[in-house]
Amino acid sequence: MVRIFAATLLVACACACSRGAIGGATPEIVEPDARHIALAESLVPSDPDLAAIYDRSCRACHALNGLGAPLTGHSAAWAPRIDQRGMDGLIASIHSGRGTMPSMGYCPDCTDDDFRALIEFMATEGQS
């Protein structure tokens, strides 16, 4: 219960989730199933530095279903975004912000390499 409350509070405070794709036209929405939702809640990058960035900057929106952001590990939701915008386009959208996601996506100290690694982690089925 405390975990659910903390996650809800974090999301309410963050309000950083994009309601559409990161950058450009909104791709077709691919709804996650229960397995994807559970996976998104459990995945953490294996690299400790990347995990720290993910926890403070990405998890609030990309690990909770129904917020508009593609779930971590839900590759079917990430593929159209990557296909439409490419990695450079996604990174450019992070820099400028998209929807309710602020410019730099709550990671003002992140480099493009950090963003690339975070996207690659979130866009896979957890192989990082």
N, C-alpha and C. Protein backbone atom coordinates (compact mmCIF):
# COMPACT_ATOMS: atom_id res chain seq x y z
N MET A 1 0.82 -1.19 0.00
CA MET A 1 0.00 0.00 0.00
C MET A 1 0.87 1.25 0.00
N VAL A 2 1.92 1.23 0.83
CA VAL A 2 2.83 2.38 0.89
C VAL A 2 3.49 2.58 -0.47
N ARG A 3 3.85 1.47 -1.12
CA ARG A 3 4.48 1.55 -2.43
C ARG A 3 3.56 2.20 -3.45
N ILE A 4 2.31 1.81 -3.43
CA ILE A 4 1.34 2.38 -4.37
C ILE A 4 1.15 3.86 -4.09
N PHE A 5 1.02 4.21 -2.81
CA PHE A 5 0.86 5.62 -2.45
C PHE A 5 2.08 6.43 -2.88
N ALA A 6 3.29 5.90 -2.61
CA ALA A 6 4.51 6.61 -2.98
C ALA A 6 4.60 6.80 -4.48
N ALA A 7 4.27 5.76 -5.23
CA ALA A 7 4.32 5.86 -6.69
C ALA A 7 3.30 6.87 -7.19
N THR A 8 2.11 6.84 -6.62
CA THR A 8 1.07 7.79 -7.03
C THR A 8 1.48 9.21 -6.70
N LEU A 9 2.03 9.41 -5.52
CA LEU A 9 2.49 10.74 -5.12
C LEU A 9 3.60 11.22 -6.03
N LEU A 10 4.53 10.34 -6.34
CA LEU A 10 5.63 10.71 -7.23
C LEU A 10 5.11 11.13 -8.60
N VAL A 11 4.18 10.38 -9.12
CA VAL A 11 3.61 10.71 -10.43
C VAL A 11 2.85 12.03 -10.36
N ALA A 12 2.08 12.20 -9.31
CA ALA A 12 1.31 13.45 -9.17
C ALA A 12 2.24 14.65 -9.10
N CYS A 13 3.34 14.51 -8.40
CA CYS A 13 4.29 15.61 -8.29
C CYS A 13 5.06 15.82 -9.58
N ALA A 14 5.42 14.74 -10.21
CA ALA A 14 6.25 14.85 -11.41
C ALA A 14 5.50 15.43 -12.59
N CYS A 15 4.33 14.88 -12.87
CA CYS A 15 3.52 15.33 -14.03
C CYS A 15 4.39 15.48 -15.26
N ALA A 16 5.27 14.53 -15.46
CA ALA A 16 6.25 14.66 -16.53
C ALA A 16 6.01 13.73 -17.69
N CYS A 17 4.92 13.06 -17.69
CA CYS A 17 4.72 12.05 -18.70
C CYS A 17 4.12 12.62 -19.97
N SER A 18 4.65 12.18 -21.07
CA SER A 18 4.12 12.60 -22.35
C SER A 18 2.81 11.90 -22.62
N ARG A 19 1.83 12.60 -23.13
CA ARG A 19 0.55 12.00 -23.49
C ARG A 19 0.60 11.40 -24.88
N GLY A 20 1.67 11.61 -25.60
CA GLY A 20 1.82 11.02 -26.92
C GLY A 20 3.23 10.53 -27.07
N ALA A 21 3.67 10.47 -28.29
CA ALA A 21 5.01 10.03 -28.56
C ALA A 21 5.98 11.13 -28.19
N ILE A 22 7.22 10.75 -28.01
CA ILE A 22 8.26 11.75 -27.79
C ILE A 22 8.63 12.26 -29.17
N GLY A 23 8.21 13.45 -29.48
CA GLY A 23 8.58 14.08 -30.75
C GLY A 23 7.68 13.69 -31.90
N GLY A 24 7.20 14.67 -32.62
CA GLY A 24 6.50 14.44 -33.87
C GLY A 24 5.10 13.88 -33.71
N ALA A 25 4.63 13.27 -34.79
CA ALA A 25 3.28 12.72 -34.83
C ALA A 25 3.14 11.59 -33.82
N THR A 26 1.94 11.41 -33.34
CA THR A 26 1.68 10.35 -32.38
C THR A 26 1.58 9.02 -33.12
N PRO A 27 2.44 8.06 -32.75
CA PRO A 27 2.35 6.76 -33.40
C PRO A 27 1.14 5.99 -32.88
N GLU A 28 0.84 4.89 -33.56
CA GLU A 28 -0.26 4.04 -33.13
C GLU A 28 0.01 3.57 -31.69
N ILE A 29 -1.02 3.65 -30.86
CA ILE A 29 -0.89 3.24 -29.47
C ILE A 29 -0.93 1.72 -29.40
N VAL A 30 0.03 1.13 -28.75
CA VAL A 30 0.08 -0.30 -28.53
C VAL A 30 -0.15 -0.52 -27.04
N GLU A 31 -1.32 -1.01 -26.70
CA GLU A 31 -1.68 -1.16 -25.28
C GLU A 31 -0.90 -2.31 -24.64
N PRO A 32 -0.36 -2.06 -23.46
CA PRO A 32 0.34 -3.13 -22.75
C PRO A 32 -0.64 -4.10 -22.10
N ASP A 33 -0.19 -5.33 -21.92
CA ASP A 33 -0.99 -6.28 -21.16
C ASP A 33 -0.42 -6.38 -19.74
N ALA A 34 -0.99 -7.24 -18.93
CA ALA A 34 -0.57 -7.35 -17.52
C ALA A 34 0.91 -7.71 -17.40
N ARG A 35 1.41 -8.52 -18.31
CA ARG A 35 2.82 -8.90 -18.27
C ARG A 35 3.72 -7.68 -18.48
N HIS A 36 3.36 -6.82 -19.45
CA HIS A 36 4.16 -5.63 -19.71
C HIS A 36 4.13 -4.66 -18.53
N ILE A 37 2.97 -4.54 -17.91
CA ILE A 37 2.83 -3.64 -16.76
C ILE A 37 3.71 -4.12 -15.61
N ALA A 38 3.66 -5.41 -15.32
CA ALA A 38 4.49 -5.98 -14.25
C ALA A 38 5.97 -5.84 -14.58
N LEU A 39 6.32 -6.06 -15.84
CA LEU A 39 7.71 -5.94 -16.26
C LEU A 39 8.20 -4.51 -16.08
N ALA A 40 7.41 -3.54 -16.50
CA ALA A 40 7.81 -2.13 -16.39
C ALA A 40 8.04 -1.73 -14.94
N GLU A 41 7.25 -2.26 -14.04
CA GLU A 41 7.40 -1.93 -12.63
C GLU A 41 8.65 -2.54 -12.02
N SER A 42 9.18 -3.60 -12.64
CA SER A 42 10.30 -4.32 -12.03
C SER A 42 11.66 -4.04 -12.67
N LEU A 43 11.68 -3.56 -13.89
CA LEU A 43 12.95 -3.40 -14.60
C LEU A 43 13.79 -2.25 -14.06
N VAL A 44 15.09 -2.49 -14.00
CA VAL A 44 16.07 -1.48 -13.61
C VAL A 44 17.32 -1.74 -14.45
N PRO A 45 17.95 -0.69 -14.97
CA PRO A 45 19.19 -0.92 -15.72
C PRO A 45 20.24 -1.62 -14.87
N SER A 46 21.03 -2.48 -15.48
CA SER A 46 22.07 -3.19 -14.75
C SER A 46 23.23 -2.28 -14.36
N ASP A 47 23.47 -1.24 -15.14
CA ASP A 47 24.52 -0.28 -14.82
C ASP A 47 24.04 0.60 -13.65
N PRO A 48 24.76 0.64 -12.54
CA PRO A 48 24.30 1.39 -11.37
C PRO A 48 24.11 2.89 -11.63
N ASP A 49 24.99 3.49 -12.42
CA ASP A 49 24.85 4.92 -12.72
C ASP A 49 23.60 5.18 -13.56
N LEU A 50 23.37 4.34 -14.56
CA LEU A 50 22.18 4.48 -15.39
C LEU A 50 20.92 4.20 -14.57
N ALA A 51 21.00 3.23 -13.66
CA ALA A 51 19.86 2.92 -12.80
C ALA A 51 19.49 4.11 -11.93
N ALA A 52 20.48 4.82 -11.43
CA ALA A 52 20.21 6.00 -10.59
C ALA A 52 19.51 7.09 -11.41
N ILE A 53 19.97 7.29 -12.64
CA ILE A 53 19.33 8.29 -13.51
C ILE A 53 17.90 7.86 -13.82
N TYR A 54 17.72 6.60 -14.18
CA TYR A 54 16.39 6.08 -14.50
C TYR A 54 15.44 6.27 -13.32
N ASP A 55 15.90 5.93 -12.13
CA ASP A 55 15.04 6.04 -10.94
C ASP A 55 14.61 7.47 -10.67
N ARG A 56 15.49 8.43 -10.86
CA ARG A 56 15.13 9.81 -10.53
C ARG A 56 14.48 10.57 -11.68
N SER A 57 14.67 10.10 -12.91
CA SER A 57 14.22 10.89 -14.05
C SER A 57 13.19 10.22 -14.96
N CYS A 58 13.10 8.92 -14.96
CA CYS A 58 12.27 8.22 -15.95
C CYS A 58 11.18 7.34 -15.34
N ARG A 59 11.50 6.70 -14.25
CA ARG A 59 10.63 5.67 -13.68
C ARG A 59 9.21 6.18 -13.39
N ALA A 60 9.07 7.40 -12.91
CA ALA A 60 7.75 7.91 -12.50
C ALA A 60 6.71 7.79 -13.60
N CYS A 61 7.13 7.93 -14.84
CA CYS A 61 6.17 7.87 -15.95
C CYS A 61 6.29 6.59 -16.77
N HIS A 62 7.48 6.08 -16.94
CA HIS A 62 7.69 4.94 -17.82
C HIS A 62 7.50 3.59 -17.13
N ALA A 63 7.23 3.60 -15.81
CA ALA A 63 6.98 2.34 -15.11
C ALA A 63 5.54 2.21 -14.64
N LEU A 64 4.71 3.20 -14.93
CA LEU A 64 3.31 3.16 -14.52
C LEU A 64 2.40 3.26 -15.74
N ASN A 65 1.48 2.34 -15.86
CA ASN A 65 0.58 2.30 -17.00
C ASN A 65 -0.47 3.41 -16.93
N GLY A 66 -0.89 3.87 -18.10
CA GLY A 66 -2.00 4.80 -18.19
C GLY A 66 -1.61 6.26 -18.17
N LEU A 67 -0.33 6.55 -18.23
CA LEU A 67 0.13 7.94 -18.16
C LEU A 67 0.51 8.50 -19.53
N GLY A 68 0.46 7.67 -20.55
CA GLY A 68 0.77 8.14 -21.89
C GLY A 68 2.18 7.85 -22.35
N ALA A 69 3.08 7.64 -21.41
CA ALA A 69 4.46 7.35 -21.78
C ALA A 69 4.58 5.86 -22.08
N PRO A 70 5.39 5.50 -23.08
CA PRO A 70 5.57 4.06 -23.35
C PRO A 70 6.25 3.40 -22.15
N LEU A 71 5.74 2.23 -21.77
CA LEU A 71 6.28 1.54 -20.61
C LEU A 71 7.67 0.99 -20.88
N THR A 72 8.48 1.03 -19.85
CA THR A 72 9.80 0.40 -19.91
C THR A 72 9.61 -1.08 -20.21
N GLY A 73 10.36 -1.57 -21.18
CA GLY A 73 10.30 -2.98 -21.54
C GLY A 73 9.21 -3.35 -22.53
N HIS A 74 8.33 -2.41 -22.86
CA HIS A 74 7.24 -2.70 -23.80
C HIS A 74 7.71 -2.30 -25.20
N SER A 75 8.50 -3.17 -25.78
CA SER A 75 9.15 -2.86 -27.06
C SER A 75 8.16 -2.53 -28.17
N ALA A 76 6.98 -3.14 -28.14
CA ALA A 76 5.98 -2.85 -29.18
C ALA A 76 5.49 -1.41 -29.13
N ALA A 77 5.53 -0.79 -27.97
CA ALA A 77 5.14 0.62 -27.85
C ALA A 77 6.28 1.55 -28.25
N TRP A 78 7.50 1.11 -28.05
CA TRP A 78 8.66 1.93 -28.40
C TRP A 78 8.99 1.87 -29.88
N ALA A 79 8.80 0.72 -30.52
CA ALA A 79 9.22 0.53 -31.91
C ALA A 79 8.67 1.59 -32.86
N PRO A 80 7.37 1.93 -32.83
CA PRO A 80 6.88 2.95 -33.76
C PRO A 80 7.52 4.32 -33.53
N ARG A 81 7.82 4.63 -32.29
CA ARG A 81 8.46 5.92 -31.97
C ARG A 81 9.87 5.96 -32.55
N ILE A 82 10.58 4.87 -32.35
CA ILE A 82 11.95 4.79 -32.87
C ILE A 82 11.92 4.77 -34.39
N ASP A 83 10.98 4.03 -34.98
CA ASP A 83 10.87 3.97 -36.44
C ASP A 83 10.54 5.34 -37.03
N GLN A 84 9.63 6.08 -36.40
CA GLN A 84 9.21 7.38 -36.93
C GLN A 84 10.26 8.46 -36.74
N ARG A 85 10.84 8.52 -35.55
CA ARG A 85 11.72 9.64 -35.22
C ARG A 85 13.19 9.29 -35.23
N GLY A 86 13.52 8.03 -35.08
CA GLY A 86 14.91 7.63 -34.94
C GLY A 86 15.44 8.04 -33.57
N MET A 87 16.57 7.51 -33.22
CA MET A 87 17.16 7.82 -31.93
C MET A 87 17.46 9.31 -31.79
N ASP A 88 18.02 9.91 -32.84
CA ASP A 88 18.34 11.34 -32.77
C ASP A 88 17.08 12.19 -32.61
N GLY A 89 15.99 11.80 -33.25
CA GLY A 89 14.74 12.53 -33.11
C GLY A 89 14.16 12.41 -31.71
N LEU A 90 14.26 11.23 -31.12
CA LEU A 90 13.79 11.06 -29.74
C LEU A 90 14.62 11.90 -28.78
N ILE A 91 15.92 11.89 -28.98
CA ILE A 91 16.80 12.68 -28.10
C ILE A 91 16.52 14.17 -28.28
N ALA A 92 16.29 14.61 -29.51
CA ALA A 92 15.95 16.02 -29.74
C ALA A 92 14.66 16.39 -29.01
N SER A 93 13.69 15.49 -29.01
CA SER A 93 12.43 15.75 -28.31
C SER A 93 12.62 15.79 -26.80
N ILE A 94 13.53 14.99 -26.28
CA ILE A 94 13.84 15.06 -24.85
C ILE A 94 14.43 16.43 -24.54
N HIS A 95 15.33 16.89 -25.38
CA HIS A 95 15.94 18.21 -25.16
C HIS A 95 14.90 19.32 -25.12
N SER A 96 13.94 19.27 -26.03
CA SER A 96 12.97 20.36 -26.13
C SER A 96 11.73 20.14 -25.26
N GLY A 97 11.49 18.91 -24.85
CA GLY A 97 10.28 18.59 -24.09
C GLY A 97 9.18 18.19 -25.05
N ARG A 98 8.21 17.45 -24.53
CA ARG A 98 7.12 16.98 -25.37
C ARG A 98 5.90 16.75 -24.49
N GLY A 99 4.78 17.33 -24.85
CA GLY A 99 3.58 17.19 -24.02
C GLY A 99 3.86 17.72 -22.62
N THR A 100 3.62 16.90 -21.63
CA THR A 100 3.90 17.33 -20.26
C THR A 100 5.29 16.94 -19.78
N MET A 101 6.05 16.26 -20.64
CA MET A 101 7.44 15.96 -20.28
C MET A 101 8.25 17.24 -20.46
N PRO A 102 8.93 17.66 -19.40
CA PRO A 102 9.68 18.91 -19.50
C PRO A 102 10.94 18.75 -20.35
N SER A 103 11.46 19.87 -20.76
CA SER A 103 12.74 19.89 -21.46
C SER A 103 13.76 19.14 -20.61
N MET A 104 14.51 18.29 -21.23
CA MET A 104 15.54 17.46 -20.61
C MET A 104 14.96 16.35 -19.72
N GLY A 105 13.65 16.17 -19.73
CA GLY A 105 13.01 15.03 -19.07
C GLY A 105 13.44 14.78 -17.64
N TYR A 106 13.54 15.82 -16.85
CA TYR A 106 13.96 15.72 -15.44
C TYR A 106 15.39 15.24 -15.28
N CYS A 107 16.20 15.44 -16.28
CA CYS A 107 17.61 15.07 -16.18
C CYS A 107 18.47 16.15 -16.82
N PRO A 108 18.55 17.32 -16.20
CA PRO A 108 19.31 18.42 -16.80
C PRO A 108 20.80 18.14 -16.92
N ASP A 109 21.31 17.18 -16.16
CA ASP A 109 22.73 16.86 -16.23
C ASP A 109 23.02 15.67 -17.15
N CYS A 110 22.01 15.12 -17.79
CA CYS A 110 22.21 13.98 -18.69
C CYS A 110 22.85 14.41 -20.00
N THR A 111 23.68 13.54 -20.51
CA THR A 111 24.27 13.73 -21.83
C THR A 111 23.42 12.99 -22.86
N ASP A 112 23.68 13.25 -24.12
CA ASP A 112 22.98 12.50 -25.17
C ASP A 112 23.27 11.00 -25.05
N ASP A 113 24.48 10.66 -24.64
CA ASP A 113 24.80 9.24 -24.44
C ASP A 113 23.94 8.64 -23.32
N ASP A 114 23.70 9.41 -22.25
CA ASP A 114 22.81 8.94 -21.18
C ASP A 114 21.41 8.71 -21.73
N PHE A 115 20.90 9.69 -22.48
CA PHE A 115 19.55 9.56 -23.05
C PHE A 115 19.48 8.35 -23.99
N ARG A 116 20.50 8.18 -24.80
CA ARG A 116 20.53 7.04 -25.73
C ARG A 116 20.48 5.73 -24.95
N ALA A 117 21.29 5.62 -23.90
CA ALA A 117 21.31 4.40 -23.09
C ALA A 117 19.97 4.17 -22.39
N LEU A 118 19.36 5.24 -21.91
CA LEU A 118 18.06 5.11 -21.25
C LEU A 118 16.98 4.65 -22.23
N ILE A 119 16.96 5.25 -23.41
CA ILE A 119 15.98 4.84 -24.42
C ILE A 119 16.21 3.39 -24.82
N GLU A 120 17.46 3.02 -25.06
CA GLU A 120 17.75 1.63 -25.43
C GLU A 120 17.30 0.66 -24.35
N PHE A 121 17.53 1.02 -23.09
CA PHE A 121 17.07 0.18 -21.98
C PHE A 121 15.54 0.09 -21.96
N MET A 122 14.88 1.23 -22.01
CA MET A 122 13.42 1.24 -21.90
C MET A 122 12.74 0.60 -23.10
N ALA A 123 13.37 0.64 -24.26
CA ALA A 123 12.76 0.14 -25.49
C ALA A 123 12.93 -1.36 -25.69
N THR A 124 13.64 -2.01 -24.80
CA THR A 124 13.85 -3.46 -24.93
C THR A 124 13.05 -4.19 -23.86
N GLU A 125 13.10 -5.47 -23.93
CA GLU A 125 12.41 -6.30 -22.93
C GLU A 125 13.29 -6.48 -21.70
N GLY A 126 14.06 -5.47 -21.36
CA GLY A 126 14.85 -5.51 -20.14
C GLY A 126 16.26 -6.02 -20.29
N GLN A 127 16.72 -6.20 -21.51
CA GLN A 127 18.10 -6.63 -21.70
C GLN A 127 18.99 -5.41 -21.75
N SER A 128 19.56 -5.06 -20.62
CA SER A 128 20.46 -3.92 -20.55
C SER A 128 21.66 -4.27 -19.71
